[in-house]
């Protein structure tokens, strides 16, 4: 982020910076800003005021959702391996991969699986 300090006469120095956002997010923010400024009196609402208000509304649950969205399937698989290590003891990555292909893995997921993985059904065929 680039920061720029604006010096003005006797007022406090304001610090501004550039932030990159997707075009769709920019358009949504512009639309909200237009709606906020549709009024007959008062000064214009500034973009940074809108952003500050929106950021103040973010909850811990929103942060958790963002963290979940950022996980790859490989990350989720490693989380399951870590749960296995906590509950059943050491296992190599090679042994873990073999365990993941067994019918016992479905039972492990049913007990310890993440919400995303718990819906996966693994069918074991006996030959």
N, C-alpha and C. Protein backbone atom coordinates (compact mmCIF):
# COMPACT_ATOMS: atom_id res chain seq x y z
N UNK A 1 0.82 -1.17 0.00
CA UNK A 1 0.00 0.00 0.00
C UNK A 1 0.87 1.24 0.00
N UNK A 2 0.56 2.16 -0.85
CA UNK A 2 1.27 3.43 -0.87
C UNK A 2 0.58 4.38 0.09
N UNK A 3 1.36 5.08 0.88
CA UNK A 3 0.79 6.06 1.80
C UNK A 3 1.22 7.45 1.41
N UNK A 4 0.32 8.39 1.55
CA UNK A 4 0.61 9.77 1.24
C UNK A 4 0.08 10.62 2.38
N UNK A 5 0.90 11.52 2.88
CA UNK A 5 0.48 12.42 3.95
C UNK A 5 0.17 13.77 3.33
N UNK A 6 -1.03 14.24 3.59
CA UNK A 6 -1.48 15.53 3.07
C UNK A 6 -1.29 16.56 4.17
N UNK A 7 -0.53 17.61 3.88
CA UNK A 7 -0.30 18.68 4.86
C UNK A 7 -1.23 19.83 4.53
N UNK A 8 -1.91 20.29 5.52
CA UNK A 8 -2.80 21.42 5.31
C UNK A 8 -2.50 22.48 6.37
N UNK A 9 -2.87 23.71 6.11
CA UNK A 9 -2.62 24.86 6.98
C UNK A 9 -2.47 24.54 8.45
N UNK A 10 -3.47 24.80 9.28
CA UNK A 10 -3.40 24.56 10.71
C UNK A 10 -4.09 23.27 11.12
N UNK A 11 -4.58 22.51 10.16
CA UNK A 11 -5.32 21.28 10.47
C UNK A 11 -4.37 20.11 10.70
N UNK A 12 -4.93 19.01 11.21
CA UNK A 12 -4.15 17.78 11.38
C UNK A 12 -3.74 17.24 10.02
N UNK A 13 -2.65 16.51 10.02
CA UNK A 13 -2.21 15.86 8.79
C UNK A 13 -3.07 14.62 8.55
N UNK A 14 -3.57 14.49 7.34
CA UNK A 14 -4.37 13.32 6.98
C UNK A 14 -3.48 12.34 6.23
N UNK A 15 -3.60 11.08 6.55
CA UNK A 15 -2.80 10.05 5.89
C UNK A 15 -3.70 9.24 4.97
N UNK A 16 -3.35 9.16 3.71
CA UNK A 16 -4.11 8.41 2.73
C UNK A 16 -3.23 7.33 2.12
N UNK A 17 -3.87 6.26 1.65
CA UNK A 17 -3.12 5.21 0.96
C UNK A 17 -3.96 4.61 -0.14
N UNK A 18 -3.29 3.97 -1.06
CA UNK A 18 -3.97 3.31 -2.18
C UNK A 18 -4.25 1.87 -1.80
N UNK A 19 -5.42 1.39 -2.20
CA UNK A 19 -5.80 0.01 -1.95
C UNK A 19 -6.35 -0.55 -3.25
N UNK A 20 -5.88 -1.74 -3.62
CA UNK A 20 -6.37 -2.38 -4.84
C UNK A 20 -7.58 -3.24 -4.51
N UNK A 21 -8.65 -3.05 -5.25
CA UNK A 21 -9.85 -3.87 -5.09
C UNK A 21 -10.33 -4.29 -6.47
N UNK A 22 -11.14 -5.32 -6.50
CA UNK A 22 -11.68 -5.79 -7.78
C UNK A 22 -12.68 -4.77 -8.31
N UNK A 23 -12.86 -4.77 -9.62
CA UNK A 23 -13.76 -3.82 -10.27
C UNK A 23 -15.19 -3.96 -9.75
N UNK A 24 -15.62 -5.21 -9.50
CA UNK A 24 -16.99 -5.41 -9.01
C UNK A 24 -17.18 -4.78 -7.62
N UNK A 25 -16.17 -4.92 -6.76
CA UNK A 25 -16.24 -4.32 -5.42
C UNK A 25 -16.28 -2.80 -5.53
N UNK A 26 -15.52 -2.26 -6.46
CA UNK A 26 -15.50 -0.80 -6.67
C UNK A 26 -16.87 -0.31 -7.12
N UNK A 27 -17.50 -1.03 -8.03
CA UNK A 27 -18.82 -0.64 -8.52
C UNK A 27 -19.87 -0.70 -7.41
N UNK A 28 -19.80 -1.75 -6.57
CA UNK A 28 -20.74 -1.85 -5.45
C UNK A 28 -20.55 -0.69 -4.48
N UNK A 29 -19.28 -0.36 -4.20
CA UNK A 29 -18.99 0.75 -3.29
C UNK A 29 -19.48 2.07 -3.88
N UNK A 30 -19.28 2.27 -5.18
CA UNK A 30 -19.74 3.49 -5.83
C UNK A 30 -21.27 3.62 -5.74
N UNK A 31 -21.96 2.51 -5.95
CA UNK A 31 -23.42 2.52 -5.88
C UNK A 31 -23.89 2.88 -4.47
N UNK A 32 -23.23 2.31 -3.46
CA UNK A 32 -23.59 2.65 -2.08
C UNK A 32 -23.30 4.11 -1.77
N UNK A 33 -22.20 4.60 -2.29
CA UNK A 33 -21.83 6.00 -2.06
C UNK A 33 -22.83 6.94 -2.74
N UNK A 34 -23.27 6.60 -3.93
CA UNK A 34 -24.30 7.39 -4.61
C UNK A 34 -25.59 7.41 -3.80
N UNK A 35 -25.97 6.25 -3.26
CA UNK A 35 -27.18 6.18 -2.44
C UNK A 35 -27.02 7.01 -1.17
N UNK A 36 -25.85 6.97 -0.56
CA UNK A 36 -25.60 7.74 0.66
C UNK A 36 -25.63 9.23 0.39
N UNK A 37 -25.28 9.64 -0.80
CA UNK A 37 -25.23 11.06 -1.13
C UNK A 37 -26.51 11.57 -1.79
N UNK A 38 -27.53 10.73 -1.90
CA UNK A 38 -28.82 11.18 -2.44
C UNK A 38 -29.58 11.84 -1.30
N UNK A 39 -29.31 13.09 -1.09
CA UNK A 39 -29.96 13.86 -0.04
C UNK A 39 -29.93 15.32 -0.45
N UNK A 40 -30.78 16.11 0.17
CA UNK A 40 -30.90 17.51 -0.22
C UNK A 40 -29.95 18.41 0.55
N UNK A 41 -29.61 18.05 1.77
CA UNK A 41 -28.76 18.91 2.58
C UNK A 41 -27.58 18.13 3.15
N UNK A 42 -26.62 18.87 3.67
CA UNK A 42 -25.47 18.24 4.30
C UNK A 42 -24.32 18.05 3.32
N UNK A 43 -23.17 17.78 3.88
CA UNK A 43 -22.00 17.58 3.03
C UNK A 43 -22.05 16.20 2.41
N UNK A 44 -21.20 15.99 1.42
CA UNK A 44 -21.14 14.69 0.76
C UNK A 44 -20.46 13.67 1.67
N UNK A 45 -20.96 12.45 1.61
CA UNK A 45 -20.33 11.33 2.32
C UNK A 45 -19.12 10.91 1.49
N UNK A 46 -17.98 10.77 2.16
CA UNK A 46 -16.75 10.41 1.47
C UNK A 46 -16.59 8.90 1.41
N UNK A 47 -15.83 8.47 0.42
CA UNK A 47 -15.61 7.03 0.21
C UNK A 47 -15.00 6.37 1.44
N UNK A 48 -14.02 7.02 2.06
CA UNK A 48 -13.37 6.41 3.23
C UNK A 48 -14.32 6.31 4.42
N UNK A 49 -15.30 7.20 4.50
CA UNK A 49 -16.30 7.10 5.58
C UNK A 49 -17.16 5.85 5.38
N UNK A 50 -17.52 5.58 4.14
CA UNK A 50 -18.30 4.39 3.82
C UNK A 50 -17.50 3.13 4.17
N UNK A 51 -16.23 3.11 3.80
CA UNK A 51 -15.38 1.95 4.07
C UNK A 51 -15.20 1.75 5.57
N UNK A 52 -14.95 2.84 6.30
CA UNK A 52 -14.77 2.73 7.76
C UNK A 52 -16.02 2.16 8.42
N UNK A 53 -17.19 2.63 8.00
CA UNK A 53 -18.44 2.12 8.55
C UNK A 53 -18.60 0.63 8.25
N UNK A 54 -18.34 0.26 7.01
CA UNK A 54 -18.48 -1.15 6.60
C UNK A 54 -17.50 -2.04 7.37
N UNK A 55 -16.27 -1.60 7.53
CA UNK A 55 -15.28 -2.40 8.25
C UNK A 55 -15.66 -2.55 9.72
N UNK A 56 -16.31 -1.56 10.28
CA UNK A 56 -16.76 -1.63 11.66
C UNK A 56 -17.86 -2.66 11.88
N UNK A 57 -18.53 -3.03 10.81
CA UNK A 57 -19.63 -4.00 10.90
C UNK A 57 -19.16 -5.45 10.77
N UNK A 58 -17.90 -5.66 10.43
CA UNK A 58 -17.36 -7.02 10.28
C UNK A 58 -17.26 -7.68 11.65
N UNK A 59 -17.81 -8.89 11.75
CA UNK A 59 -17.82 -9.62 13.02
C UNK A 59 -16.78 -10.75 12.98
N UNK A 60 -16.59 -11.38 14.12
CA UNK A 60 -15.70 -12.54 14.19
C UNK A 60 -16.20 -13.67 13.29
N UNK A 61 -17.50 -13.79 13.17
CA UNK A 61 -18.08 -14.82 12.29
C UNK A 61 -17.71 -14.55 10.83
N UNK A 62 -17.72 -13.29 10.42
CA UNK A 62 -17.31 -12.94 9.06
C UNK A 62 -15.84 -13.31 8.83
N UNK A 63 -15.01 -13.05 9.83
CA UNK A 63 -13.59 -13.40 9.72
C UNK A 63 -13.43 -14.91 9.58
N UNK A 64 -14.20 -15.68 10.36
CA UNK A 64 -14.14 -17.14 10.29
C UNK A 64 -14.54 -17.62 8.90
N UNK A 65 -15.58 -17.03 8.32
CA UNK A 65 -16.03 -17.40 6.98
C UNK A 65 -14.94 -17.10 5.95
N UNK A 66 -14.31 -15.95 6.05
CA UNK A 66 -13.22 -15.60 5.14
C UNK A 66 -12.05 -16.57 5.27
N UNK A 67 -11.74 -16.96 6.49
CA UNK A 67 -10.67 -17.92 6.71
C UNK A 67 -11.01 -19.27 6.09
N UNK A 68 -12.26 -19.73 6.24
CA UNK A 68 -12.69 -20.99 5.64
C UNK A 68 -12.60 -20.94 4.13
N UNK A 69 -13.03 -19.82 3.54
CA UNK A 69 -13.00 -19.68 2.08
C UNK A 69 -11.58 -19.71 1.54
N UNK A 70 -10.61 -19.30 2.35
CA UNK A 70 -9.24 -19.23 1.87
C UNK A 70 -8.54 -20.59 1.88
N UNK A 71 -9.15 -21.60 2.50
CA UNK A 71 -8.53 -22.92 2.58
C UNK A 71 -8.66 -23.67 1.27
N UNK A 72 -7.58 -24.33 0.87
CA UNK A 72 -7.61 -25.21 -0.29
C UNK A 72 -8.00 -26.61 0.19
N UNK A 73 -8.30 -27.49 -0.73
CA UNK A 73 -8.60 -28.88 -0.36
C UNK A 73 -7.40 -29.52 0.32
N UNK A 74 -6.21 -29.16 -0.14
CA UNK A 74 -4.99 -29.69 0.47
C UNK A 74 -4.87 -29.23 1.93
N UNK A 75 -5.25 -27.96 2.18
CA UNK A 75 -5.23 -27.45 3.56
C UNK A 75 -6.21 -28.22 4.45
N UNK A 76 -7.40 -28.48 3.93
CA UNK A 76 -8.42 -29.22 4.70
C UNK A 76 -7.95 -30.65 4.98
N UNK A 77 -7.31 -31.24 3.98
CA UNK A 77 -6.78 -32.59 4.13
C UNK A 77 -5.71 -32.63 5.22
N UNK A 78 -4.86 -31.61 5.24
CA UNK A 78 -3.81 -31.52 6.26
C UNK A 78 -4.41 -31.28 7.65
N UNK A 79 -5.49 -30.49 7.70
CA UNK A 79 -6.18 -30.29 8.99
C UNK A 79 -6.70 -31.61 9.54
N UNK A 80 -7.26 -32.44 8.65
CA UNK A 80 -7.74 -33.76 9.07
C UNK A 80 -6.58 -34.61 9.57
N UNK A 81 -5.44 -34.53 8.88
CA UNK A 81 -4.25 -35.28 9.31
C UNK A 81 -3.81 -34.83 10.70
N UNK A 82 -3.85 -33.53 10.95
CA UNK A 82 -3.47 -33.01 12.26
C UNK A 82 -4.44 -33.51 13.35
N UNK A 83 -5.73 -33.60 13.03
CA UNK A 83 -6.70 -34.15 13.98
C UNK A 83 -6.40 -35.62 14.25
N UNK A 84 -5.98 -36.33 13.20
CA UNK A 84 -5.61 -37.73 13.37
C UNK A 84 -4.41 -37.84 14.31
N UNK A 85 -3.41 -37.00 14.10
CA UNK A 85 -2.22 -37.01 14.96
C UNK A 85 -2.58 -36.74 16.42
N UNK A 86 -3.52 -35.83 16.66
CA UNK A 86 -3.95 -35.51 18.02
C UNK A 86 -4.68 -36.67 18.68
N UNK A 87 -5.51 -37.34 17.91
CA UNK A 87 -6.36 -38.38 18.49
C UNK A 87 -5.75 -39.77 18.48
N UNK A 88 -4.98 -40.10 17.45
CA UNK A 88 -4.49 -41.47 17.31
C UNK A 88 -2.98 -41.61 17.34
N UNK A 89 -2.27 -40.52 17.29
CA UNK A 89 -0.81 -40.60 17.35
C UNK A 89 -0.15 -40.42 16.00
N UNK A 90 1.18 -40.57 15.98
CA UNK A 90 1.96 -40.28 14.77
C UNK A 90 1.60 -41.17 13.58
N UNK A 91 1.67 -40.54 12.40
CA UNK A 91 1.46 -41.25 11.15
C UNK A 91 2.23 -40.49 10.07
N UNK A 92 2.92 -41.21 9.20
CA UNK A 92 3.67 -40.55 8.12
C UNK A 92 2.67 -40.08 7.06
N UNK A 93 3.13 -39.20 6.20
CA UNK A 93 2.25 -38.71 5.13
C UNK A 93 1.86 -39.84 4.19
N UNK A 94 2.79 -40.75 3.95
CA UNK A 94 2.51 -41.90 3.08
C UNK A 94 1.44 -42.80 3.71
N UNK A 95 1.59 -43.09 5.00
CA UNK A 95 0.59 -43.90 5.71
C UNK A 95 -0.75 -43.18 5.76
N UNK A 96 -0.70 -41.86 5.93
CA UNK A 96 -1.93 -41.06 5.98
C UNK A 96 -2.67 -41.16 4.65
N UNK A 97 -1.95 -41.10 3.55
CA UNK A 97 -2.57 -41.21 2.23
C UNK A 97 -3.24 -42.57 2.07
N UNK A 98 -2.57 -43.63 2.52
CA UNK A 98 -3.16 -44.97 2.47
C UNK A 98 -4.41 -45.05 3.35
N UNK A 99 -4.35 -44.46 4.54
CA UNK A 99 -5.50 -44.44 5.43
C UNK A 99 -6.67 -43.69 4.80
N UNK A 100 -6.36 -42.62 4.07
CA UNK A 100 -7.40 -41.82 3.42
C UNK A 100 -8.14 -42.60 2.35
N UNK A 101 -7.53 -43.65 1.83
CA UNK A 101 -8.19 -44.47 0.81
C UNK A 101 -8.88 -45.68 1.40
N UNK A 102 -8.91 -45.80 2.71
CA UNK A 102 -9.53 -46.95 3.35
C UNK A 102 -10.96 -46.62 3.79
N UNK A 103 -11.73 -47.66 4.07
CA UNK A 103 -13.10 -47.49 4.55
C UNK A 103 -13.11 -46.86 5.94
N UNK A 104 -12.07 -47.08 6.72
CA UNK A 104 -11.98 -46.53 8.06
C UNK A 104 -11.93 -44.99 8.03
N UNK A 105 -11.44 -44.44 6.92
CA UNK A 105 -11.34 -42.98 6.77
C UNK A 105 -12.73 -42.34 6.82
N UNK A 106 -13.73 -43.00 6.23
CA UNK A 106 -15.11 -42.47 6.25
C UNK A 106 -15.60 -42.33 7.68
N UNK A 107 -15.28 -43.30 8.52
CA UNK A 107 -15.67 -43.23 9.93
C UNK A 107 -14.93 -42.09 10.63
N UNK A 108 -13.66 -41.93 10.30
CA UNK A 108 -12.86 -40.85 10.90
C UNK A 108 -13.44 -39.49 10.52
N UNK A 109 -13.84 -39.33 9.26
CA UNK A 109 -14.43 -38.06 8.81
C UNK A 109 -15.75 -37.82 9.51
N UNK A 110 -16.55 -38.86 9.69
CA UNK A 110 -17.84 -38.71 10.36
C UNK A 110 -17.67 -38.16 11.77
N UNK A 111 -16.60 -38.55 12.43
CA UNK A 111 -16.34 -38.11 13.81
C UNK A 111 -15.58 -36.79 13.84
N UNK A 112 -14.55 -36.64 13.01
CA UNK A 112 -13.64 -35.50 13.11
C UNK A 112 -13.65 -34.57 11.91
N UNK A 113 -14.48 -34.85 10.92
CA UNK A 113 -14.43 -34.09 9.67
C UNK A 113 -14.81 -32.64 9.82
N UNK A 114 -14.34 -31.84 8.88
CA UNK A 114 -14.71 -30.44 8.82
C UNK A 114 -16.10 -30.35 8.22
N UNK A 115 -16.83 -29.25 8.44
CA UNK A 115 -18.18 -29.13 7.89
C UNK A 115 -18.23 -29.35 6.38
N UNK A 116 -17.21 -28.90 5.66
CA UNK A 116 -17.21 -29.07 4.22
C UNK A 116 -17.00 -30.52 3.83
N UNK A 117 -16.13 -31.21 4.55
CA UNK A 117 -15.82 -32.59 4.20
C UNK A 117 -16.82 -33.59 4.77
N UNK A 118 -17.60 -33.21 5.79
CA UNK A 118 -18.48 -34.17 6.43
C UNK A 118 -19.59 -34.66 5.52
N UNK A 119 -19.89 -33.92 4.46
CA UNK A 119 -20.92 -34.34 3.53
C UNK A 119 -20.43 -35.35 2.51
N UNK A 120 -19.14 -35.63 2.47
CA UNK A 120 -18.57 -36.56 1.51
C UNK A 120 -18.85 -38.00 1.95
N UNK A 121 -19.34 -38.78 1.04
CA UNK A 121 -19.55 -40.19 1.38
C UNK A 121 -18.53 -41.02 0.62
N UNK A 122 -17.89 -41.92 1.33
CA UNK A 122 -16.89 -42.79 0.71
C UNK A 122 -17.46 -44.20 0.74
N UNK A 123 -17.61 -44.78 -0.44
CA UNK A 123 -18.20 -46.11 -0.55
C UNK A 123 -17.08 -47.12 -0.64
N UNK A 124 -17.16 -48.12 0.20
CA UNK A 124 -16.16 -49.17 0.20
C UNK A 124 -16.74 -50.40 -0.48
N UNK A 125 -16.03 -50.89 -1.49
CA UNK A 125 -16.51 -52.10 -2.17
C UNK A 125 -15.66 -53.27 -1.73
N UNK A 126 -16.33 -54.33 -1.35
CA UNK A 126 -15.65 -55.52 -0.92
C UNK A 126 -15.61 -56.48 -2.10
N UNK A 127 -14.41 -56.88 -2.50
CA UNK A 127 -14.28 -57.75 -3.67
C UNK A 127 -14.11 -59.18 -3.25
